[in-house]
């Protein structure tokens, strides 16, 4: 943490929920009508932790330790965002 010695790690995209938070109130105009919004910290199989969004999930069923898999949201021709789903 805080190191500038960074590198890329190839990943399967599979992991488990390490922690999460659910935002139920829109905190900015772009989020109006898009809540609840789930931010998740995933521990990937390779040991790397990644923060992203969890999609297509019932927030009341979320638990730490649940298995997740990465999916890719093609926002436009230049931006693709990794997100996670429960498996």
C-alpha atoms as a PDB file:
ATOM      1  CA  UNK A   1       0.000   0.000   0.000  1.00  0.00           C
ATOM      2  CA  UNK A   2       1.434   3.344  -1.025  1.00  0.00           C
ATOM      3  CA  UNK A   3       4.115   1.698  -3.164  1.00  0.00           C
ATOM      4  CA  UNK A   4       4.789   2.862  -6.697  1.00  0.00           C
ATOM      5  CA  UNK A   5       6.029  -0.647  -7.582  1.00  0.00           C
ATOM      6  CA  UNK A   6       2.859  -1.789  -9.379  1.00  0.00           C
ATOM      7  CA  UNK A   7       2.275  -4.516 -11.947  1.00  0.00           C
ATOM      8  CA  UNK A   8      -0.534  -6.299 -13.770  1.00  0.00           C
ATOM      9  CA  UNK A   9      -1.718  -9.725 -12.572  1.00  0.00           C
ATOM     10  CA  UNK A  10      -3.679 -12.014 -14.892  1.00  0.00           C
ATOM     11  CA  UNK A  11      -6.849 -13.270 -13.203  1.00  0.00           C
ATOM     12  CA  UNK A  12      -9.650 -15.771 -13.732  1.00  0.00           C
ATOM     13  CA  UNK A  13     -12.118 -13.108 -12.589  1.00  0.00           C
ATOM     14  CA  UNK A  14     -13.487 -15.461  -9.919  1.00  0.00           C
ATOM     15  CA  UNK A  15     -13.463 -14.614  -6.254  1.00  0.00           C
ATOM     16  CA  UNK A  16     -15.440 -14.054  -3.074  1.00  0.00           C
ATOM     17  CA  UNK A  17     -17.002 -11.023  -1.418  1.00  0.00           C
ATOM     18  CA  UNK A  18     -14.533  -9.655   1.149  1.00  0.00           C
ATOM     19  CA  UNK A  19     -16.794  -6.751   2.178  1.00  0.00           C
ATOM     20  CA  UNK A  20     -19.544  -4.610   0.669  1.00  0.00           C
ATOM     21  CA  UNK A  21     -21.749  -1.586   1.171  1.00  0.00           C
ATOM     22  CA  UNK A  22     -25.203  -0.805  -0.175  1.00  0.00           C
ATOM     23  CA  UNK A  23     -26.159   2.776  -1.046  1.00  0.00           C
ATOM     24  CA  UNK A  24     -29.932   3.146  -0.939  1.00  0.00           C
ATOM     25  CA  UNK A  25     -30.134   6.939  -1.294  1.00  0.00           C
ATOM     26  CA  UNK A  26     -28.832   8.549  -4.496  1.00  0.00           C
ATOM     27  CA  UNK A  27     -25.794  10.632  -3.541  1.00  0.00           C
ATOM     28  CA  UNK A  28     -25.708  12.500  -6.847  1.00  0.00           C
ATOM     29  CA  UNK A  29     -28.045  13.230  -9.748  1.00  0.00           C
ATOM     30  CA  UNK A  30     -26.632  10.517 -12.052  1.00  0.00           C
ATOM     31  CA  UNK A  31     -27.628   7.894  -9.437  1.00  0.00           C
ATOM     32  CA  UNK A  32     -31.285   8.951  -9.165  1.00  0.00           C
ATOM     33  CA  UNK A  33     -33.350   5.903 -10.098  1.00  0.00           C
ATOM     34  CA  UNK A  34     -30.289   3.620 -10.027  1.00  0.00           C
ATOM     35  CA  UNK A  35     -30.272   2.660  -6.357  1.00  0.00           C
ATOM     36  CA  UNK A  36     -29.645   0.476  -4.516  1.00  0.00           C
ATOM     37  CA  UNK A  37     -26.022   0.705  -5.624  1.00  0.00           C
ATOM     38  CA  UNK A  38     -23.711  -2.052  -4.349  1.00  0.00           C
ATOM     39  CA  UNK A  39     -19.981  -1.431  -3.973  1.00  0.00           C
ATOM     40  CA  UNK A  40     -18.060  -4.625  -3.298  1.00  0.00           C
ATOM     41  CA  UNK A  41     -14.488  -5.521  -2.404  1.00  0.00           C
ATOM     42  CA  UNK A  42     -13.723  -8.860  -4.020  1.00  0.00           C
ATOM     43  CA  UNK A  43     -10.864 -11.138  -3.046  1.00  0.00           C
ATOM     44  CA  UNK A  44      -9.907 -12.742  -6.351  1.00  0.00           C
ATOM     45  CA  UNK A  45      -8.678 -16.361  -6.481  1.00  0.00           C
ATOM     46  CA  UNK A  46      -5.165 -15.024  -7.102  1.00  0.00           C
ATOM     47  CA  UNK A  47      -5.222 -13.133  -3.771  1.00  0.00           C
ATOM     48  CA  UNK A  48      -5.626  -9.666  -5.283  1.00  0.00           C
ATOM     49  CA  UNK A  49      -8.391  -7.448  -3.871  1.00  0.00           C
ATOM     50  CA  UNK A  50     -10.489  -5.384  -6.272  1.00  0.00           C
ATOM     51  CA  UNK A  51     -13.225  -2.804  -5.653  1.00  0.00           C
ATOM     52  CA  UNK A  52     -16.095  -2.621  -8.125  1.00  0.00           C
ATOM     53  CA  UNK A  53     -19.871  -2.833  -8.349  1.00  0.00           C
ATOM     54  CA  UNK A  54     -22.025  -5.910  -7.762  1.00  0.00           C
ATOM     55  CA  UNK A  55     -24.960  -6.078 -10.185  1.00  0.00           C
ATOM     56  CA  UNK A  56     -28.152  -8.105 -10.648  1.00  0.00           C
ATOM     57  CA  UNK A  57     -28.444  -8.989  -6.965  1.00  0.00           C
ATOM     58  CA  UNK A  58     -31.060  -8.805  -4.195  1.00  0.00           C
ATOM     59  CA  UNK A  59     -29.310  -6.648  -1.593  1.00  0.00           C
ATOM     60  CA  UNK A  60     -31.062  -8.420   1.285  1.00  0.00           C
ATOM     61  CA  UNK A  61     -29.381 -11.727   0.315  1.00  0.00           C
ATOM     62  CA  UNK A  62     -25.786 -10.420   0.268  1.00  0.00           C
ATOM     63  CA  UNK A  63     -23.244 -12.086   2.541  1.00  0.00           C
ATOM     64  CA  UNK A  64     -19.499 -11.855   2.964  1.00  0.00           C
ATOM     65  CA  UNK A  65     -17.868 -14.926   1.427  1.00  0.00           C
ATOM     66  CA  UNK A  66     -20.326 -15.346  -1.460  1.00  0.00           C
ATOM     67  CA  UNK A  67     -18.763 -16.500  -4.750  1.00  0.00           C
ATOM     68  CA  UNK A  68     -18.659 -13.919  -7.552  1.00  0.00           C
ATOM     69  CA  UNK A  69     -17.495 -13.754 -11.158  1.00  0.00           C
ATOM     70  CA  UNK A  70     -16.463 -10.769 -13.261  1.00  0.00           C
ATOM     71  CA  UNK A  71     -18.568  -9.459 -16.156  1.00  0.00           C
ATOM     72  CA  UNK A  72     -17.660  -6.545 -18.392  1.00  0.00           C
ATOM     73  CA  UNK A  73     -19.876  -3.482 -18.949  1.00  0.00           C
ATOM     74  CA  UNK A  74     -19.070  -1.921 -22.345  1.00  0.00           C
ATOM     75  CA  UNK A  75     -19.916   1.714 -21.532  1.00  0.00           C
ATOM     76  CA  UNK A  76     -18.796   3.010 -24.935  1.00  0.00           C
ATOM     77  CA  UNK A  77     -16.111   2.350 -27.565  1.00  0.00           C
ATOM     78  CA  UNK A  78     -13.344   3.442 -25.186  1.00  0.00           C
ATOM     79  CA  UNK A  79     -14.566   2.457 -21.718  1.00  0.00           C
ATOM     80  CA  UNK A  80     -15.207  -1.060 -20.403  1.00  0.00           C
ATOM     81  CA  UNK A  81     -15.832  -1.512 -16.672  1.00  0.00           C
ATOM     82  CA  UNK A  82     -15.372  -4.747 -14.729  1.00  0.00           C
ATOM     83  CA  UNK A  83     -18.355  -5.536 -12.511  1.00  0.00           C
ATOM     84  CA  UNK A  84     -19.296  -8.643 -10.548  1.00  0.00           C
ATOM     85  CA  UNK A  85     -22.258 -11.006 -10.311  1.00  0.00           C
ATOM     86  CA  UNK A  86     -23.111 -13.695  -7.753  1.00  0.00           C
ATOM     87  CA  UNK A  87     -22.470 -17.254  -9.000  1.00  0.00           C
END
